[in-house]
Amino acid sequence: RAYYEGYFMRGFAYVVLGYELLFNISYMFSRVFVHVPVHQEHVHTPFGLFLAIFHGSFSLLMFIALIAFFLIASRGYARGENYFREHSRLTMSFVTAWTISIFSGVLFFFILYVH
């Protein structure tokens, strides 16, 4: 809606940030200090370990970027600037990186629980 109509739903953005913080970041934080395999007999492959490290690190980086991106965009929209449209390369780069973060999590879930 912000991209096409120039209206940034600030309240919705903060709900998304709150959700991310409450569920995803608190989950990652709880897993930092203890690693207990879901299946004790499961042996982690080098790819699985790489994917776990990549997904955890990249997701945290993307969360920090999300906060910065929302704050900067919110200020731009408050000034009457259609921030996402006027910075479309940055917006598409962020969306691409966020998509990679999501799909790395899906792949990690599949390898850990389905495979």
C-alpha atoms as a PDB file:
ATOM      1  CA  ARG A   1       0.000   0.000   0.000  1.00  0.00           C
ATOM      2  CA  ALA A   2       2.837   2.384   0.801  1.00  0.00           C
ATOM      3  CA  TYR A   3       4.528   1.740  -2.531  1.00  0.00           C
ATOM      4  CA  TYR A   4       1.442   2.237  -4.721  1.00  0.00           C
ATOM      5  CA  GLU A   5      -0.626   4.735  -2.731  1.00  0.00           C
ATOM      6  CA  GLY A   6       2.033   6.560  -0.733  1.00  0.00           C
ATOM      7  CA  TYR A   7       0.396   5.689   2.611  1.00  0.00           C
ATOM      8  CA  PHE A   8       2.692   4.049   5.179  1.00  0.00           C
ATOM      9  CA  MET A   9       0.741   2.013   7.720  1.00  0.00           C
ATOM     10  CA  ARG A  10       2.960   2.896  10.667  1.00  0.00           C
ATOM     11  CA  GLY A  11       0.862   1.055  13.250  1.00  0.00           C
ATOM     12  CA  PHE A  12       0.891  -2.141  11.203  1.00  0.00           C
ATOM     13  CA  ALA A  13       4.662  -1.822  10.754  1.00  0.00           C
ATOM     14  CA  TYR A  14       5.150  -1.653  14.514  1.00  0.00           C
ATOM     15  CA  VAL A  15       2.883  -4.670  15.020  1.00  0.00           C
ATOM     16  CA  VAL A  16       5.074  -6.602  12.565  1.00  0.00           C
ATOM     17  CA  LEU A  17       8.207  -5.502  14.422  1.00  0.00           C
ATOM     18  CA  GLY A  18       6.609  -6.499  17.724  1.00  0.00           C
ATOM     19  CA  TYR A  19       5.672  -9.912  16.356  1.00  0.00           C
ATOM     20  CA  GLU A  20       9.191 -10.452  15.039  1.00  0.00           C
ATOM     21  CA  LEU A  21      10.679  -9.462  18.373  1.00  0.00           C
ATOM     22  CA  LEU A  22       8.247 -11.437  20.510  1.00  0.00           C
ATOM     23  CA  PHE A  23       8.303 -14.702  18.601  1.00  0.00           C
ATOM     24  CA  ASN A  24      11.257 -14.983  16.259  1.00  0.00           C
ATOM     25  CA  ILE A  25      13.952 -13.063  18.114  1.00  0.00           C
ATOM     26  CA  SER A  26      12.999 -14.461  21.522  1.00  0.00           C
ATOM     27  CA  TYR A  27      13.103 -17.977  20.017  1.00  0.00           C
ATOM     28  CA  MET A  28      16.553 -17.365  18.517  1.00  0.00           C
ATOM     29  CA  PHE A  29      17.779 -15.886  21.792  1.00  0.00           C
ATOM     30  CA  SER A  30      16.546 -18.927  23.706  1.00  0.00           C
ATOM     31  CA  ARG A  31      18.503 -21.210  21.341  1.00  0.00           C
ATOM     32  CA  VAL A  32      21.797 -19.297  21.613  1.00  0.00           C
ATOM     33  CA  PHE A  33      22.921 -20.808  24.898  1.00  0.00           C
ATOM     34  CA  VAL A  34      21.637 -24.353  24.548  1.00  0.00           C
ATOM     35  CA  HIS A  35      21.635 -26.661  21.575  1.00  0.00           C
ATOM     36  CA  VAL A  36      19.627 -29.790  22.127  1.00  0.00           C
ATOM     37  CA  PRO A  37      18.936 -31.808  18.993  1.00  0.00           C
ATOM     38  CA  VAL A  38      15.265 -32.524  18.443  1.00  0.00           C
ATOM     39  CA  HIS A  39      16.149 -36.083  17.559  1.00  0.00           C
ATOM     40  CA  GLN A  40      19.040 -37.302  19.707  1.00  0.00           C
ATOM     41  CA  GLU A  41      20.097 -39.854  17.088  1.00  0.00           C
ATOM     42  CA  HIS A  42      20.184 -37.244  14.323  1.00  0.00           C
ATOM     43  CA  VAL A  43      23.657 -36.424  13.022  1.00  0.00           C
ATOM     44  CA  HIS A  44      24.035 -32.939  11.567  1.00  0.00           C
ATOM     45  CA  THR A  45      25.531 -32.779   8.104  1.00  0.00           C
ATOM     46  CA  PRO A  46      28.018 -30.031   7.236  1.00  0.00           C
ATOM     47  CA  PHE A  47      25.362 -28.451   4.993  1.00  0.00           C
ATOM     48  CA  GLY A  48      22.806 -28.556   7.806  1.00  0.00           C
ATOM     49  CA  LEU A  49      25.240 -26.871  10.185  1.00  0.00           C
ATOM     50  CA  PHE A  50      26.108 -24.259   7.565  1.00  0.00           C
ATOM     51  CA  LEU A  51      22.422 -23.616   6.920  1.00  0.00           C
ATOM     52  CA  ALA A  52      21.701 -23.266  10.652  1.00  0.00           C
ATOM     53  CA  ILE A  53      24.529 -20.763  11.082  1.00  0.00           C
ATOM     54  CA  PHE A  54      23.603 -18.868   7.917  1.00  0.00           C
ATOM     55  CA  HIS A  55      19.895 -18.703   8.695  1.00  0.00           C
ATOM     56  CA  GLY A  56      20.357 -17.645  12.319  1.00  0.00           C
ATOM     57  CA  SER A  57      22.947 -14.987  11.537  1.00  0.00           C
ATOM     58  CA  PHE A  58      21.225 -13.689   8.418  1.00  0.00           C
ATOM     59  CA  SER A  59      17.813 -13.561  10.105  1.00  0.00           C
ATOM     60  CA  LEU A  60      19.226 -11.497  12.960  1.00  0.00           C
ATOM     61  CA  LEU A  61      20.924  -9.164  10.488  1.00  0.00           C
ATOM     62  CA  MET A  62      17.658  -8.839   8.545  1.00  0.00           C
ATOM     63  CA  PHE A  63      15.745  -8.020  11.738  1.00  0.00           C
ATOM     64  CA  ILE A  64      18.168  -5.199  12.512  1.00  0.00           C
ATOM     65  CA  ALA A  65      17.862  -4.018   8.893  1.00  0.00           C
ATOM     66  CA  LEU A  66      14.057  -4.226   9.182  1.00  0.00           C
ATOM     67  CA  ILE A  67      14.072  -1.889  12.180  1.00  0.00           C
ATOM     68  CA  ALA A  68      16.343   0.605  10.414  1.00  0.00           C
ATOM     69  CA  PHE A  69      14.389   0.355   7.150  1.00  0.00           C
ATOM     70  CA  PHE A  70      11.027   0.917   8.876  1.00  0.00           C
ATOM     71  CA  LEU A  71      12.300   3.865  10.913  1.00  0.00           C
ATOM     72  CA  ILE A  72      13.865   5.563   7.890  1.00  0.00           C
ATOM     73  CA  ALA A  73      10.806   4.862   5.727  1.00  0.00           C
ATOM     74  CA  SER A  74       8.460   6.109   8.439  1.00  0.00           C
ATOM     75  CA  ARG A  75      10.339   9.407   8.621  1.00  0.00           C
ATOM     76  CA  GLY A  76      10.287   9.697   4.831  1.00  0.00           C
ATOM     77  CA  TYR A  77       6.543   9.121   4.637  1.00  0.00           C
ATOM     78  CA  ALA A  78       5.998  11.631   7.456  1.00  0.00           C
ATOM     79  CA  ARG A  79       7.714  14.222   5.227  1.00  0.00           C
ATOM     80  CA  GLY A  80       5.384  13.324   2.350  1.00  0.00           C
ATOM     81  CA  GLU A  81       7.943  11.243   0.454  1.00  0.00           C
ATOM     82  CA  ASN A  82       6.908   7.905  -1.059  1.00  0.00           C
ATOM     83  CA  TYR A  83      10.047   6.336   0.374  1.00  0.00           C
ATOM     84  CA  PHE A  84       9.654   2.827  -1.038  1.00  0.00           C
ATOM     85  CA  ARG A  85       8.953   4.059  -4.561  1.00  0.00           C
ATOM     86  CA  GLU A  86      11.649   6.739  -4.527  1.00  0.00           C
ATOM     87  CA  HIS A  87      14.180   4.214  -3.217  1.00  0.00           C
ATOM     88  CA  SER A  88      12.967   1.257  -5.276  1.00  0.00           C
ATOM     89  CA  ARG A  89      16.390  -0.403  -5.647  1.00  0.00           C
ATOM     90  CA  LEU A  90      16.895  -0.386  -1.895  1.00  0.00           C
ATOM     91  CA  THR A  91      13.335  -1.629  -1.402  1.00  0.00           C
ATOM     92  CA  MET A  92      13.757  -4.491  -3.891  1.00  0.00           C
ATOM     93  CA  SER A  93      17.153  -5.388  -2.404  1.00  0.00           C
ATOM     94  CA  PHE A  94      15.575  -5.560   1.043  1.00  0.00           C
ATOM     95  CA  VAL A  95      12.645  -7.651  -0.199  1.00  0.00           C
ATOM     96  CA  THR A  96      15.064 -10.026  -1.960  1.00  0.00           C
ATOM     97  CA  ALA A  97      17.241 -10.410   1.141  1.00  0.00           C
ATOM     98  CA  TRP A  98      14.152 -10.916   3.332  1.00  0.00           C
ATOM     99  CA  THR A  99      12.923 -13.608   0.932  1.00  0.00           C
ATOM    100  CA  ILE A 100      16.299 -15.377   1.156  1.00  0.00           C
ATOM    101  CA  SER A 101      16.010 -15.258   4.943  1.00  0.00           C
ATOM    102  CA  ILE A 102      12.526 -16.788   4.845  1.00  0.00           C
ATOM    103  CA  PHE A 103      13.435 -19.527   2.371  1.00  0.00           C
ATOM    104  CA  SER A 104      16.611 -20.428   4.268  1.00  0.00           C
ATOM    105  CA  GLY A 105      14.378 -20.963   7.319  1.00  0.00           C
ATOM    106  CA  VAL A 106      11.961 -23.107   5.331  1.00  0.00           C
ATOM    107  CA  LEU A 107      14.842 -25.161   3.943  1.00  0.00           C
ATOM    108  CA  PHE A 108      16.347 -25.517   7.420  1.00  0.00           C
ATOM    109  CA  PHE A 109      12.982 -26.690   8.799  1.00  0.00           C
ATOM    110  CA  PHE A 110      12.635 -29.196   5.967  1.00  0.00           C
ATOM    111  CA  ILE A 111      16.139 -30.597   6.488  1.00  0.00           C
ATOM    112  CA  LEU A 112      15.726 -30.787  10.263  1.00  0.00           C
ATOM    113  CA  TYR A 113      12.185 -32.120  10.604  1.00  0.00           C
ATOM    114  CA  VAL A 114      10.973 -33.553   7.292  1.00  0.00           C
ATOM    115  CA  HIS A 115      14.098 -35.070   5.780  1.00  0.00           C
END
